[in-house]
Amino acid sequence: MQQKSAPQRLLWAQFDALQMGSGWDEEDVKKPQILLEDAFGDSHPGSTHLSGIMEQVKYGVFEKGGYPARYHTTDICDGCAQGHDGMNYVLASREAICDMIEVHGSVFPWDGMILSASCDKSIPAQLKAAARLDLPTIFIPGGSMRPGPNMTTSLLPGDISLRQKRNDGVTEQELLDYKRTGSPSWGACTFLGTASTMQCMAEALGLTLPGAALMPATMRDIFAYARKAGRMILSLAEKGLSVSKILTKEAFENAIIVHSAIGGSTNATIHLPSIARELGIELEPELFDEINHKVPHLGNINPSGQHLTETFWFAGGVPMVELYLKDMLHLDVMTVTGKTLGENLEDLQRDNFFNRNIGYLHNYGLKRDEVIFPVEKAEEKGSIAILRGNLAPEGSVIKYSACRQEMREHKGPARVFNREEDAYQAVAEGNIEPGDIIVIRYEGPRGSGMPEMLMTTEAIVCDEKLNGTVSLVTDGRFSGATRGAAIGHVSPEAASGGPLAFIETGDIIAYSVEHRSLDVVGIQGKEMPPDQVAQVLAERAKKGVIPRPPRKGIYKRYTSHALSAMQGAGYDD
């Protein structure tokens, strides 16, 4: 194939000299050139192994006559940002990573690109960049971490941290044991959080090799897939099969169907619209709601179920879900294999993919239908709902599959906080009562960068008195691990003058998953008709919102220009 850089190489003699100065030779500079971009770094378990994955990719590219060049844009870990202002930078990092990959992909005319990441923001960042660059591209998920002792997950620190703050409820030995076993290998966290969800979304969109999402990161399979991707990218480049030919509206609908079925993170309602936006495709919040009304919930995966992510892959992973739901999916969409989704599923069946790993599942004493329910065994539809009302005119989101049935509808007094730290402290000190609805505001994209509220949601579910009785409403976002009655992404956010900015402690809030509603129904303990509530909120609004403190750098840039959560929380145009 004719390399894209050939004309540029003739324009400027230094072009070849610089590459040869990096270790290339005269023959290498004439080959199809492939950008290898990963999130490798010593920053956290989701990044440390990506260099090894890309080494295998490199071999695959060499085998088919291409020449690879490796670039790294390291991500950060939400877990390391908990409890301090570092969390305010996490969502902004998605845009920074995306922009950097755009730079890497634009200053040189690459023939194709292979991406690899494991975690929450690096995966959507890479997919946004792929859509923006529109090169022939394959994404390689970084896989799933091994389970902790007794199948524990990295949700355990929620309980440990709460007990630490209450009468020295944790021994030094217990804390030391957790540190040694809490993250037993590299890979993404073992529950269906945002990292695991976005691996599944990349596969459901058709940008990974079939069956790639959430394989155990320590197994040989992940290296085999990586090498295969390296070999395949040359064929993709020769065909000119770029990202825009794969990421169609139908592909995004497939991803939302899979998301509904597995009980994925609410953050997908931010990331998928933001990726689609790069291609001029608009994903309305109602599309998520519409699909969740009709798709059976098949995934018995923590936190919406019992089992961990590696067992999901052993049970057949995303392809198994797609096989069960094939009558609902667009099977004719194109994928990075150069084949349609329907053809990929047929190939997997012929290759014995669905039965080959069942034995690993049996090691846990599990059967497939205990991890991925057949359609006829599904007990409910969907996993998330979009709620609207006078408190969220543009929408909000709740993951009802991780919420007790009795808390899917609730009415109670508001306890209002202007920062998550204050809300968490109130829970930790026992200052929240059963039936309260905690409101955390000014934590949206323009308020504080849209940090996640995991510390507070975990403190609630780890408190016997509050678990199953207290709800949380915020314009911030949640970890994919969030459990309980947690309503986030309230839009318009408080910092933009949304109604959330003008409610007060003692006002009455009501929500209903069934009716898709979120409303202020009373003022200072007294229920009122909607028009009277509106009058009170309008009067309070005259005081304006709390001004934001001075900011600088990327934090200022993001919080000044971010779109609402319902629009993907990327930069405005």
Protein backbone atom coordinates (compact mmCIF):
# COMPACT_ATOMS: atom_id res chain seq x y z
CA MET A 1 0.00 0.00 0.00
CA GLN A 2 1.03 3.59 -0.62
CA GLN A 3 1.97 5.26 2.66
CA LYS A 4 0.23 8.55 3.43
CA SER A 5 3.49 10.26 4.41
CA ALA A 6 5.20 9.68 1.04
CA PRO A 7 4.45 13.18 -0.35
CA GLN A 8 5.57 14.89 2.89
CA ARG A 9 8.82 12.90 2.90
CA LEU A 10 9.69 14.40 -0.48
CA LEU A 11 9.05 17.95 0.75
CA TRP A 12 11.66 18.08 3.49
CA ALA A 13 14.85 16.02 3.73
CA GLN A 14 14.91 16.15 7.52
CA PHE A 15 11.69 14.13 7.63
CA ASP A 16 13.49 10.83 7.02
CA ALA A 17 16.61 11.89 8.89
CA LEU A 18 14.69 12.47 12.11
CA GLN A 19 13.01 9.07 11.95
CA MET A 20 16.30 7.36 11.16
CA GLY A 21 17.82 9.20 14.09
CA SER A 22 15.21 7.41 16.23
CA GLY A 23 16.48 4.00 15.11
CA TRP A 24 14.62 3.51 11.82
CA ASP A 25 16.53 2.57 8.66
CA GLU A 26 16.11 3.36 4.95
CA GLU A 27 13.58 0.59 4.41
CA ASP A 28 11.54 1.42 7.52
CA VAL A 29 10.73 4.96 6.41
CA LYS A 30 9.11 3.59 3.25
CA LYS A 31 6.70 1.28 5.09
CA PRO A 32 3.10 2.06 6.17
CA GLN A 33 3.49 3.92 9.46
CA ILE A 34 1.25 3.12 12.41
CA LEU A 35 0.78 5.28 15.50
CA LEU A 36 0.70 3.25 18.73
CA GLU A 37 -0.82 5.40 21.47
CA ASP A 38 -1.38 4.14 25.00
CA ALA A 39 -1.93 5.39 28.53
CA PHE A 40 1.15 3.61 29.88
CA GLY A 41 2.72 4.95 33.04
CA ASP A 42 3.68 3.98 36.56
CA SER A 43 0.65 5.86 37.83
CA HIS A 44 -1.78 3.07 38.73
CA PRO A 45 -2.61 -0.62 37.99
CA GLY A 46 -4.67 0.25 34.93
CA SER A 47 -1.63 1.75 33.18
CA THR A 48 1.45 -0.18 34.27
CA HIS A 49 0.95 -3.17 31.94
CA LEU A 50 0.04 -1.28 28.76
CA SER A 51 3.65 -1.09 27.62
CA GLY A 52 3.76 -4.89 27.43
CA ILE A 53 0.53 -4.96 25.46
CA MET A 54 1.88 -2.44 22.96
CA GLU A 55 5.09 -4.45 22.62
CA GLN A 56 2.98 -7.29 21.23
CA VAL A 57 1.14 -4.86 18.96
CA LYS A 58 4.49 -3.73 17.64
CA TYR A 59 5.43 -7.30 16.70
CA GLY A 60 2.14 -7.70 14.86
CA VAL A 61 2.68 -4.52 12.85
CA PHE A 62 6.21 -5.66 11.92
CA GLU A 63 4.88 -9.06 10.80
CA LYS A 64 2.63 -7.47 8.18
CA GLY A 65 5.22 -5.07 6.84
CA GLY A 66 4.35 -1.89 8.68
CA TYR A 67 6.45 0.24 10.99
CA PRO A 68 5.09 1.28 14.41
CA ALA A 69 5.88 4.39 16.42
CA ARG A 70 4.99 4.45 20.12
CA TYR A 71 3.54 7.43 21.95
CA HIS A 72 2.22 7.62 25.54
CA THR A 73 -0.35 9.90 27.14
CA THR A 74 -0.61 8.70 30.73
CA ASP A 75 -3.91 8.91 32.59
CA ILE A 76 -4.65 9.28 36.28
CA CYS A 77 -6.75 7.17 38.64
CA ASP A 78 -10.01 8.31 40.23
CA GLY A 79 -9.16 6.20 43.27
CA CYS A 80 -6.01 8.22 43.93
CA ALA A 81 -8.01 11.45 43.66
CA GLN A 82 -10.66 10.57 46.28
CA GLY A 83 -11.15 12.96 49.16
CA HIS A 84 -9.16 15.94 47.86
CA ASP A 85 -9.24 18.57 45.13
CA GLY A 86 -7.42 16.32 42.69
CA MET A 87 -10.82 14.80 41.90
CA ASN A 88 -11.85 18.12 40.32
CA TYR A 89 -9.29 17.54 37.54
CA VAL A 90 -10.34 14.01 36.65
CA LEU A 91 -13.06 14.69 34.06
CA ALA A 92 -11.02 17.55 32.62
CA SER A 93 -8.22 15.02 32.08
CA ARG A 94 -10.41 13.31 29.47
CA GLU A 95 -10.24 16.42 27.33
CA ALA A 96 -6.50 16.88 27.95
CA ILE A 97 -5.71 13.29 26.92
CA CYS A 98 -7.92 13.58 23.86
CA ASP A 99 -6.24 16.83 22.80
CA MET A 100 -2.78 15.35 23.21
CA ILE A 101 -3.63 12.32 21.08
CA GLU A 102 -5.06 14.69 18.47
CA VAL A 103 -1.68 16.44 18.42
CA HIS A 104 0.21 13.15 18.09
CA GLY A 105 -2.11 11.99 15.34
CA SER A 106 -2.14 15.24 13.36
CA VAL A 107 1.49 16.35 13.07
CA PHE A 108 2.39 13.28 11.04
CA PRO A 109 0.36 11.58 8.27
CA TRP A 110 -0.13 8.17 9.89
CA ASP A 111 -1.58 5.29 7.92
CA GLY A 112 -3.38 3.87 10.93
CA MET A 113 -3.55 3.95 14.71
CA ILE A 114 -3.82 1.49 17.59
CA LEU A 115 -4.93 2.70 21.01
CA SER A 116 -4.84 1.01 24.40
CA ALA A 117 -6.18 1.99 27.82
CA SER A 118 -7.92 0.37 30.77
CA CYS A 119 -9.64 3.07 32.75
CA ASP A 120 -12.34 5.62 33.31
CA LYS A 121 -11.16 8.70 31.42
CA SER A 122 -8.41 7.35 29.18
CA ILE A 123 -10.77 5.06 27.27
CA PRO A 124 -13.37 7.73 26.37
CA ALA A 125 -10.50 10.17 25.71
CA GLN A 126 -8.94 7.76 23.24
CA LEU A 127 -12.28 7.05 21.58
CA LYS A 128 -12.98 10.80 21.28
CA ALA A 129 -9.56 11.29 19.71
CA ALA A 130 -10.14 8.36 17.35
CA ALA A 131 -13.41 9.92 16.20
CA ARG A 132 -11.74 13.32 15.80
CA LEU A 133 -8.76 12.01 13.80
CA ASP A 134 -10.85 9.55 11.75
CA LEU A 135 -7.94 7.21 10.96
CA PRO A 136 -8.19 3.44 10.54
CA THR A 137 -8.08 2.58 14.25
CA ILE A 138 -8.25 -0.41 16.58
CA PHE A 139 -8.70 -0.06 20.36
CA ILE A 140 -7.24 -2.66 22.74
CA PRO A 141 -8.84 -2.76 26.21
CA GLY A 142 -6.42 -3.19 29.11
CA GLY A 143 -8.54 -5.93 30.67
CA SER A 144 -9.69 -6.70 34.19
CA MET A 145 -7.77 -6.88 37.48
CA ARG A 146 -7.76 -10.15 39.44
CA PRO A 147 -10.24 -10.37 42.34
CA GLY A 148 -9.13 -9.73 45.88
CA PRO A 149 -9.37 -12.30 48.70
CA ASN A 150 -12.90 -13.67 49.12
CA MET A 151 -13.82 -12.00 45.79
CA THR A 152 -13.52 -8.54 47.29
CA THR A 153 -13.34 -5.46 45.07
CA SER A 154 -11.82 -2.03 45.41
CA LEU A 155 -15.15 -0.92 46.91
CA LEU A 156 -13.90 -2.26 50.24
CA PRO A 157 -12.16 1.02 51.19
CA GLY A 158 -15.56 2.70 51.51
CA ASP A 159 -16.29 0.59 54.57
CA ILE A 160 -12.73 0.79 55.88
CA SER A 161 -12.54 4.58 55.51
CA LEU A 162 -15.86 5.10 57.30
CA ARG A 163 -14.85 2.87 60.20
CA GLN A 164 -11.49 4.68 60.44
CA LYS A 165 -13.38 7.86 61.21
CA ARG A 166 -15.63 6.28 63.80
CA ASN A 167 -14.02 5.28 67.06
CA ASP A 168 -10.92 3.65 65.62
CA GLY A 169 -13.02 0.88 64.04
CA VAL A 170 -10.14 -0.49 61.94
CA THR A 171 -7.08 -2.30 63.26
CA GLU A 172 -3.62 -1.60 61.84
CA GLN A 173 -3.40 -5.21 60.70
CA GLU A 174 -6.73 -5.03 58.84
CA LEU A 175 -5.58 -1.86 57.10
CA LEU A 176 -2.21 -3.39 56.20
CA ASP A 177 -3.84 -6.55 54.83
CA TYR A 178 -6.14 -4.48 52.63
CA LYS A 179 -3.22 -2.45 51.28
CA ARG A 180 -1.46 -5.68 50.31
CA THR A 181 -4.46 -7.32 48.67
CA GLY A 182 -6.79 -4.50 47.60
CA SER A 183 -5.32 -4.27 44.08
CA PRO A 184 -3.78 -7.72 43.51
CA SER A 185 -2.80 -7.21 39.84
CA TRP A 186 -2.80 -4.74 37.00
CA GLY A 187 -5.96 -4.06 34.97
CA ALA A 188 -9.24 -2.23 35.57
CA CYS A 189 -11.15 -2.54 38.85
CA THR A 190 -13.08 -5.78 39.19
CA PHE A 191 -16.59 -4.32 39.35
CA LEU A 192 -18.60 -2.86 36.48
CA GLY A 193 -17.45 0.69 37.12
CA THR A 194 -16.75 3.26 34.46
CA ALA A 195 -13.46 1.64 33.41
CA SER A 196 -15.05 -1.76 32.82
CA THR A 197 -18.14 -0.18 31.29
CA MET A 198 -16.13 1.82 28.76
CA GLN A 199 -14.14 -1.27 27.76
CA CYS A 200 -17.49 -2.88 26.98
CA MET A 201 -18.68 0.24 25.15
CA ALA A 202 -15.58 0.24 22.92
CA GLU A 203 -16.34 -3.35 21.96
CA ALA A 204 -20.06 -2.72 21.48
CA LEU A 205 -19.18 0.21 19.19
CA GLY A 206 -17.16 -2.13 16.99
CA LEU A 207 -13.72 -0.62 17.70
CA THR A 208 -12.15 -3.68 19.38
CA LEU A 209 -11.51 -7.20 18.25
CA PRO A 210 -14.54 -9.32 19.22
CA GLY A 211 -14.32 -10.56 22.80
CA ALA A 212 -11.58 -8.14 23.83
CA ALA A 213 -13.33 -6.26 26.65
CA LEU A 214 -12.63 -7.30 30.25
CA MET A 215 -10.49 -10.36 29.67
CA PRO A 216 -8.29 -10.92 32.73
CA ALA A 217 -5.27 -8.65 32.31
CA THR A 218 -2.88 -11.35 33.52
CA MET A 219 -3.88 -14.00 30.95
CA ARG A 220 -2.03 -14.76 27.73
CA ASP A 221 -5.16 -13.92 25.73
CA ILE A 222 -4.66 -10.19 26.12
CA PHE A 223 -1.22 -10.39 24.50
CA ALA A 224 -2.55 -12.64 21.73
CA TYR A 225 -5.31 -10.12 20.97
CA ALA A 226 -2.77 -7.29 20.97
CA ARG A 227 -0.53 -9.04 18.45
CA LYS A 228 -3.54 -9.85 16.27
CA ALA A 229 -4.59 -6.18 16.35
CA GLY A 230 -1.11 -5.21 15.19
CA ARG A 231 -1.41 -7.56 12.23
CA MET A 232 -4.95 -6.45 11.40
CA ILE A 233 -4.36 -2.68 11.36
CA LEU A 234 -2.48 -2.92 8.05
CA SER A 235 -5.49 -4.54 6.39
CA LEU A 236 -7.75 -1.88 7.88
CA ALA A 237 -5.49 0.88 6.55
CA GLU A 238 -5.34 -0.68 3.08
CA LYS A 239 -9.15 -0.79 2.94
CA GLY A 240 -9.42 2.80 4.20
CA LEU A 241 -11.83 1.66 6.92
CA SER A 242 -11.69 4.71 9.16
CA VAL A 243 -13.51 5.36 12.43
CA SER A 244 -16.38 7.35 10.90
CA LYS A 245 -17.37 4.30 8.85
CA ILE A 246 -17.70 2.28 12.07
CA LEU A 247 -19.07 4.81 14.58
CA THR A 248 -22.47 5.36 13.02
CA LYS A 249 -25.67 6.28 14.85
CA GLU A 250 -26.61 2.59 14.72
CA ALA A 251 -23.31 1.63 16.37
CA PHE A 252 -24.04 4.02 19.24
CA GLU A 253 -27.52 2.55 19.61
CA ASN A 254 -25.92 -0.90 19.85
CA ALA A 255 -23.61 0.37 22.59
CA ILE A 256 -26.53 1.81 24.59
CA ILE A 257 -28.39 -1.50 24.25
CA VAL A 258 -25.38 -3.39 25.63
CA HIS A 259 -24.98 -0.76 28.36
CA SER A 260 -28.60 -1.24 29.40
CA ALA A 261 -28.26 -5.01 29.44
CA ILE A 262 -25.10 -5.19 31.56
CA GLY A 263 -25.97 -2.44 34.07
CA GLY A 264 -23.14 -0.13 33.07
CA SER A 265 -21.92 3.03 34.76
CA THR A 266 -23.96 6.24 34.63
CA ASN A 267 -20.82 7.91 33.29
CA ALA A 268 -21.51 6.31 29.92
CA THR A 269 -24.32 8.85 29.57
CA ILE A 270 -21.56 11.49 29.59
CA HIS A 271 -18.92 9.69 27.54
CA LEU A 272 -20.97 8.20 24.69
CA PRO A 273 -22.61 11.55 23.75
CA SER A 274 -19.20 13.23 23.94
CA ILE A 275 -17.65 10.65 21.58
CA ALA A 276 -20.62 10.91 19.22
CA ARG A 277 -20.37 14.69 19.22
CA GLU A 278 -16.91 14.43 17.62
CA LEU A 279 -18.63 12.93 14.58
CA GLY A 280 -21.57 15.33 14.49
CA ILE A 281 -23.92 12.71 15.96
CA GLU A 282 -26.27 13.85 18.73
CA LEU A 283 -27.30 11.33 21.37
CA GLU A 284 -30.29 12.75 23.23
CA PRO A 285 -30.79 11.69 26.87
CA GLU A 286 -34.19 10.34 25.86
CA LEU A 287 -32.48 7.75 23.65
CA PHE A 288 -30.89 6.17 26.74
CA ASP A 289 -34.26 6.20 28.48
CA GLU A 290 -36.11 4.76 25.51
CA ILE A 291 -33.66 1.90 25.14
CA ASN A 292 -33.61 1.18 28.88
CA HIS A 293 -37.39 0.80 28.81
CA LYS A 294 -37.19 -2.24 26.54
CA VAL A 295 -33.81 -3.98 26.96
CA PRO A 296 -33.71 -6.85 29.47
CA HIS A 297 -31.11 -6.54 32.22
CA LEU A 298 -28.87 -9.60 31.73
CA GLY A 299 -25.68 -8.81 33.63
CA ASN A 300 -25.36 -10.16 37.16
CA ILE A 301 -22.27 -8.04 37.73
CA ASN A 302 -21.24 -6.03 40.78
CA PRO A 303 -22.48 -3.39 41.79
CA SER A 304 -25.80 -4.14 40.00
CA GLY A 305 -25.32 -7.84 40.67
CA GLN A 306 -23.18 -10.39 42.48
CA HIS A 307 -20.21 -11.32 40.32
CA LEU A 308 -16.95 -9.73 39.21
CA THR A 309 -15.82 -8.66 35.77
CA GLU A 310 -13.47 -11.53 34.95
CA THR A 311 -16.31 -14.00 35.49
CA PHE A 312 -18.34 -11.93 33.02
CA TRP A 313 -15.63 -12.49 30.40
CA PHE A 314 -15.43 -16.22 31.22
CA ALA A 315 -19.20 -16.38 30.71
CA GLY A 316 -18.85 -14.95 27.19
CA GLY A 317 -18.60 -11.23 27.89
CA VAL A 318 -19.99 -8.65 25.49
CA PRO A 319 -20.37 -11.14 22.58
CA MET A 320 -22.60 -13.36 24.73
CA VAL A 321 -24.81 -10.39 25.57
CA GLU A 322 -24.91 -9.44 21.88
CA LEU A 323 -25.81 -13.01 20.93
CA TYR A 324 -28.70 -13.01 23.41
CA LEU A 325 -29.89 -9.62 22.12
CA LYS A 326 -29.19 -10.11 18.42
CA ASP A 327 -32.81 -9.45 17.48
CA MET A 328 -32.56 -5.98 19.05
CA LEU A 329 -29.17 -5.00 17.61
CA HIS A 330 -28.09 -3.56 14.29
CA LEU A 331 -26.14 -6.62 13.11
CA ASP A 332 -25.14 -5.00 9.83
CA VAL A 333 -22.87 -2.35 11.36
CA MET A 334 -19.23 -2.46 10.29
CA THR A 335 -16.44 -3.25 12.79
CA VAL A 336 -12.62 -3.14 12.88
CA THR A 337 -12.45 -6.73 11.66
CA GLY A 338 -13.68 -5.53 8.28
CA LYS A 339 -16.79 -7.59 8.93
CA THR A 340 -20.20 -6.79 10.34
CA LEU A 341 -21.24 -7.43 13.92
CA GLY A 342 -23.40 -10.34 12.77
CA GLU A 343 -20.48 -11.92 10.91
CA ASN A 344 -18.22 -11.48 13.95
CA LEU A 345 -20.69 -13.34 16.17
CA GLU A 346 -20.83 -16.19 13.67
CA ASP A 347 -17.02 -16.34 13.57
CA LEU A 348 -16.84 -16.49 17.36
CA GLN A 349 -19.26 -19.40 17.42
CA ARG A 350 -17.21 -21.28 14.82
CA ASP A 351 -14.03 -20.58 16.81
CA ASN A 352 -15.61 -22.05 20.01
CA PHE A 353 -15.14 -18.73 21.86
CA PHE A 354 -18.30 -19.15 23.92
CA ASN A 355 -17.40 -22.59 25.26
CA ARG A 356 -13.62 -22.38 25.49
CA ASN A 357 -13.59 -20.29 28.69
CA ILE A 358 -16.49 -21.93 30.50
CA GLY A 359 -14.05 -24.14 32.37
CA TYR A 360 -12.52 -21.06 33.98
CA LEU A 361 -16.00 -20.08 35.13
CA HIS A 362 -16.42 -23.51 36.67
CA ASN A 363 -13.33 -22.82 38.79
CA TYR A 364 -15.58 -20.41 40.66
CA GLY A 365 -18.41 -22.93 40.88
CA LEU A 366 -20.49 -20.82 38.48
CA LYS A 367 -22.55 -21.48 35.38
CA ARG A 368 -22.96 -19.03 32.53
CA ASP A 369 -26.60 -18.24 33.25
CA GLU A 370 -25.67 -17.22 36.80
CA VAL A 371 -23.46 -14.41 35.45
CA ILE A 372 -25.23 -13.48 32.19
CA PHE A 373 -28.93 -14.22 32.42
CA PRO A 374 -30.65 -15.56 29.31
CA VAL A 375 -33.37 -13.19 28.13
CA GLU A 376 -36.14 -15.40 29.51
CA LYS A 377 -34.58 -15.21 33.01
CA ALA A 378 -34.21 -11.42 33.10
CA GLU A 379 -36.25 -9.98 35.95
CA GLU A 380 -36.39 -6.36 34.79
CA LYS A 381 -35.72 -3.99 31.92
CA GLY A 382 -32.69 -1.73 31.66
CA SER A 383 -30.44 -0.26 34.33
CA ILE A 384 -30.59 3.56 34.18
CA ALA A 385 -33.33 6.17 33.91
CA ILE A 386 -33.36 9.83 32.88
CA LEU A 387 -35.36 11.88 35.40
CA ARG A 388 -36.78 15.33 34.65
CA GLY A 389 -38.82 17.84 36.62
CA ASN A 390 -38.63 21.29 38.16
CA LEU A 391 -35.34 20.36 39.83
CA ALA A 392 -33.82 18.97 36.62
CA PRO A 393 -35.49 20.59 33.60
CA GLU A 394 -32.77 19.29 31.25
CA GLY A 395 -32.49 15.90 32.92
CA SER A 396 -30.64 13.83 35.50
CA VAL A 397 -29.64 10.17 35.72
CA ILE A 398 -30.09 7.32 38.20
CA LYS A 399 -28.74 3.77 38.03
CA TYR A 400 -31.80 2.03 39.42
CA SER A 401 -30.32 -1.44 38.87
CA ALA A 402 -27.96 -0.70 41.80
CA CYS A 403 -30.76 0.74 43.95
CA ARG A 404 -33.12 -1.06 46.31
CA GLN A 405 -36.64 -1.43 44.97
CA GLU A 406 -38.14 0.51 47.88
CA MET A 407 -35.85 3.51 47.16
CA ARG A 408 -36.74 3.86 43.50
CA GLU A 409 -39.42 6.28 44.65
CA HIS A 410 -38.95 8.56 47.62
CA LYS A 411 -40.01 11.87 49.14
CA GLY A 412 -38.11 13.55 51.92
CA PRO A 413 -36.52 16.68 53.34
CA ALA A 414 -33.46 18.14 51.64
CA ARG A 415 -30.11 18.42 53.44
CA VAL A 416 -28.21 20.89 51.27
CA PHE A 417 -24.41 21.09 50.93
CA ASN A 418 -22.33 23.22 48.58
CA ARG A 419 -19.38 20.75 48.51
CA GLU A 420 -19.13 16.99 48.66
CA GLU A 421 -16.56 17.18 51.47
CA ASP A 422 -19.15 18.75 53.79
CA ALA A 423 -21.78 16.16 52.91
CA TYR A 424 -19.36 13.31 53.55
CA GLN A 425 -18.41 14.80 56.92
CA ALA A 426 -22.07 15.03 57.89
CA VAL A 427 -22.57 11.34 57.10
CA ALA A 428 -19.36 10.28 58.86
CA GLU A 429 -20.31 12.25 62.00
CA GLY A 430 -23.82 10.79 62.10
CA ASN A 431 -25.60 14.05 61.30
CA ILE A 432 -27.87 12.65 58.57
CA GLU A 433 -31.22 11.09 59.44
CA PRO A 434 -33.07 8.22 57.75
CA GLY A 435 -35.40 9.58 55.07
CA ASP A 436 -33.21 12.61 54.29
CA ILE A 437 -32.34 13.52 50.72
CA ILE A 438 -28.77 14.79 50.63
CA VAL A 439 -28.24 17.52 48.03
CA ILE A 440 -24.69 18.25 46.86
CA ARG A 441 -24.44 21.16 44.43
CA TYR A 442 -21.86 23.32 42.64
CA GLU A 443 -20.14 20.07 41.67
CA GLY A 444 -21.13 20.10 37.98
CA PRO A 445 -18.73 20.62 35.05
CA ARG A 446 -18.70 24.41 35.42
CA GLY A 447 -19.02 24.33 39.18
CA SER A 448 -15.95 22.32 40.17
CA GLY A 449 -15.11 20.12 37.17
CA MET A 450 -17.72 17.45 37.98
CA PRO A 451 -15.96 15.23 40.52
CA GLU A 452 -17.46 11.89 41.50
CA MET A 453 -19.31 11.44 44.79
CA LEU A 454 -18.07 7.93 45.63
CA MET A 455 -16.90 8.72 49.15
CA THR A 456 -20.34 9.98 50.15
CA THR A 457 -22.37 7.29 48.40
CA GLU A 458 -20.19 4.57 49.92
CA ALA A 459 -20.46 6.16 53.37
CA ILE A 460 -24.25 6.05 53.04
CA VAL A 461 -24.47 2.37 51.99
CA CYS A 462 -21.90 1.35 54.63
CA ASP A 463 -24.01 2.97 57.40
CA GLU A 464 -26.65 0.51 58.64
CA LYS A 465 -28.95 3.35 59.73
CA LEU A 466 -28.81 5.20 56.41
CA ASN A 467 -28.49 2.41 53.84
CA GLY A 468 -31.78 1.97 52.04
CA THR A 469 -33.33 5.07 53.61
CA VAL A 470 -31.26 8.05 52.36
CA SER A 471 -31.05 9.37 48.80
CA LEU A 472 -28.50 11.67 47.20
CA VAL A 473 -29.14 14.30 44.50
CA THR A 474 -26.26 16.18 42.84
CA ASP A 475 -25.10 18.00 39.73
CA GLY A 476 -21.85 16.08 40.17
CA ARG A 477 -21.26 12.58 38.87
CA PHE A 478 -20.78 9.18 40.43
CA SER A 479 -18.28 6.40 40.27
CA GLY A 480 -19.44 3.48 38.20
CA ALA A 481 -19.23 1.62 41.48
CA THR A 482 -21.92 3.75 43.12
CA ARG A 483 -24.70 1.87 44.86
CA GLY A 484 -27.95 3.09 46.31
CA ALA A 485 -30.45 5.83 45.51
CA ALA A 486 -28.07 8.27 43.83
CA ILE A 487 -29.30 10.80 41.26
CA GLY A 488 -26.59 12.73 39.43
CA HIS A 489 -25.86 14.97 36.44
CA VAL A 490 -28.70 17.33 37.44
CA SER A 491 -28.96 19.85 34.62
CA PRO A 492 -28.81 22.79 34.40
CA GLU A 493 -26.20 22.62 37.14
CA ALA A 494 -26.13 25.01 40.11
CA ALA A 495 -23.17 27.04 38.81
CA SER A 496 -25.14 27.77 35.63
CA GLY A 497 -28.15 29.00 37.57
CA GLY A 498 -30.12 25.77 37.58
CA PRO A 499 -32.92 25.28 40.16
CA LEU A 500 -30.56 23.14 42.27
CA ALA A 501 -28.80 26.37 43.30
CA PHE A 502 -31.90 27.76 44.98
CA ILE A 503 -33.28 24.99 47.16
CA GLU A 504 -32.67 25.07 50.90
CA THR A 505 -32.36 22.59 53.73
CA GLY A 506 -35.88 21.61 54.78
CA ASP A 507 -37.43 21.86 51.29
CA ILE A 508 -39.18 18.68 50.18
CA ILE A 509 -37.88 16.72 47.18
CA ALA A 510 -39.64 13.82 45.47
CA TYR A 511 -38.44 11.50 42.72
CA SER A 512 -39.80 8.45 40.93
CA VAL A 513 -37.99 6.05 38.61
CA GLU A 514 -41.29 4.75 37.28
CA HIS A 515 -42.52 8.22 36.39
CA ARG A 516 -39.05 9.52 35.42
CA SER A 517 -39.51 12.54 37.67
CA LEU A 518 -37.40 14.70 40.01
CA ASP A 519 -39.16 17.65 41.63
CA VAL A 520 -39.23 20.09 44.52
CA VAL A 521 -42.71 19.51 45.97
CA GLY A 522 -42.53 21.57 49.15
CA ILE A 523 -40.86 24.51 50.85
CA GLN A 524 -39.48 24.35 54.39
CA GLY A 525 -41.36 21.20 55.28
CA LYS A 526 -44.69 22.26 53.74
CA GLU A 527 -45.90 20.64 50.53
CA MET A 528 -47.09 23.15 47.91
CA PRO A 529 -48.54 23.15 44.39
CA PRO A 530 -45.96 23.42 41.57
CA ASP A 531 -46.78 27.07 40.79
CA GLN A 532 -46.13 28.15 44.37
CA VAL A 533 -42.87 26.21 44.48
CA ALA A 534 -41.85 27.92 41.24
CA GLN A 535 -42.59 31.35 42.74
CA VAL A 536 -40.42 30.67 45.79
CA LEU A 537 -37.52 29.37 43.71
CA ALA A 538 -37.78 32.37 41.37
CA GLU A 539 -37.64 34.75 44.33
CA ARG A 540 -34.59 32.97 45.77
CA ALA A 541 -32.91 33.06 42.34
CA LYS A 542 -32.73 36.86 42.50
CA LYS A 543 -29.82 36.47 44.91
CA GLY A 544 -27.82 34.71 42.18
CA VAL A 545 -25.47 31.77 42.43
CA ILE A 546 -22.43 31.47 44.66
CA PRO A 547 -19.48 32.92 42.70
CA ARG A 548 -16.67 30.55 41.74
CA PRO A 549 -13.23 31.16 43.22
CA PRO A 550 -10.40 32.24 40.85
CA ARG A 551 -8.91 29.39 38.83
CA LYS A 552 -6.01 28.87 36.46
CA GLY A 553 -4.69 26.52 33.80
CA ILE A 554 -6.68 23.60 32.50
CA TYR A 555 -8.98 23.78 35.52
CA LYS A 556 -10.04 27.30 34.58
CA ARG A 557 -10.34 26.39 30.92
CA TYR A 558 -12.51 23.34 31.59
CA THR A 559 -14.84 24.89 34.17
CA SER A 560 -15.30 27.97 31.98
CA HIS A 561 -16.19 26.12 28.78
CA ALA A 562 -17.61 22.71 29.68
CA LEU A 563 -20.97 21.67 28.31
CA SER A 564 -23.63 20.27 30.63
CA ALA A 565 -23.51 16.64 31.69
CA MET A 566 -26.55 15.95 29.51
CA GLN A 567 -24.50 17.11 26.50
CA GLY A 568 -21.43 15.05 27.34
CA ALA A 569 -19.52 17.59 29.49
CA GLY A 570 -16.93 18.22 26.76
CA TYR A 571 -15.86 21.67 25.65
CA ASP A 572 -18.42 23.88 24.01
CA ASP A 573 -17.84 24.90 20.43
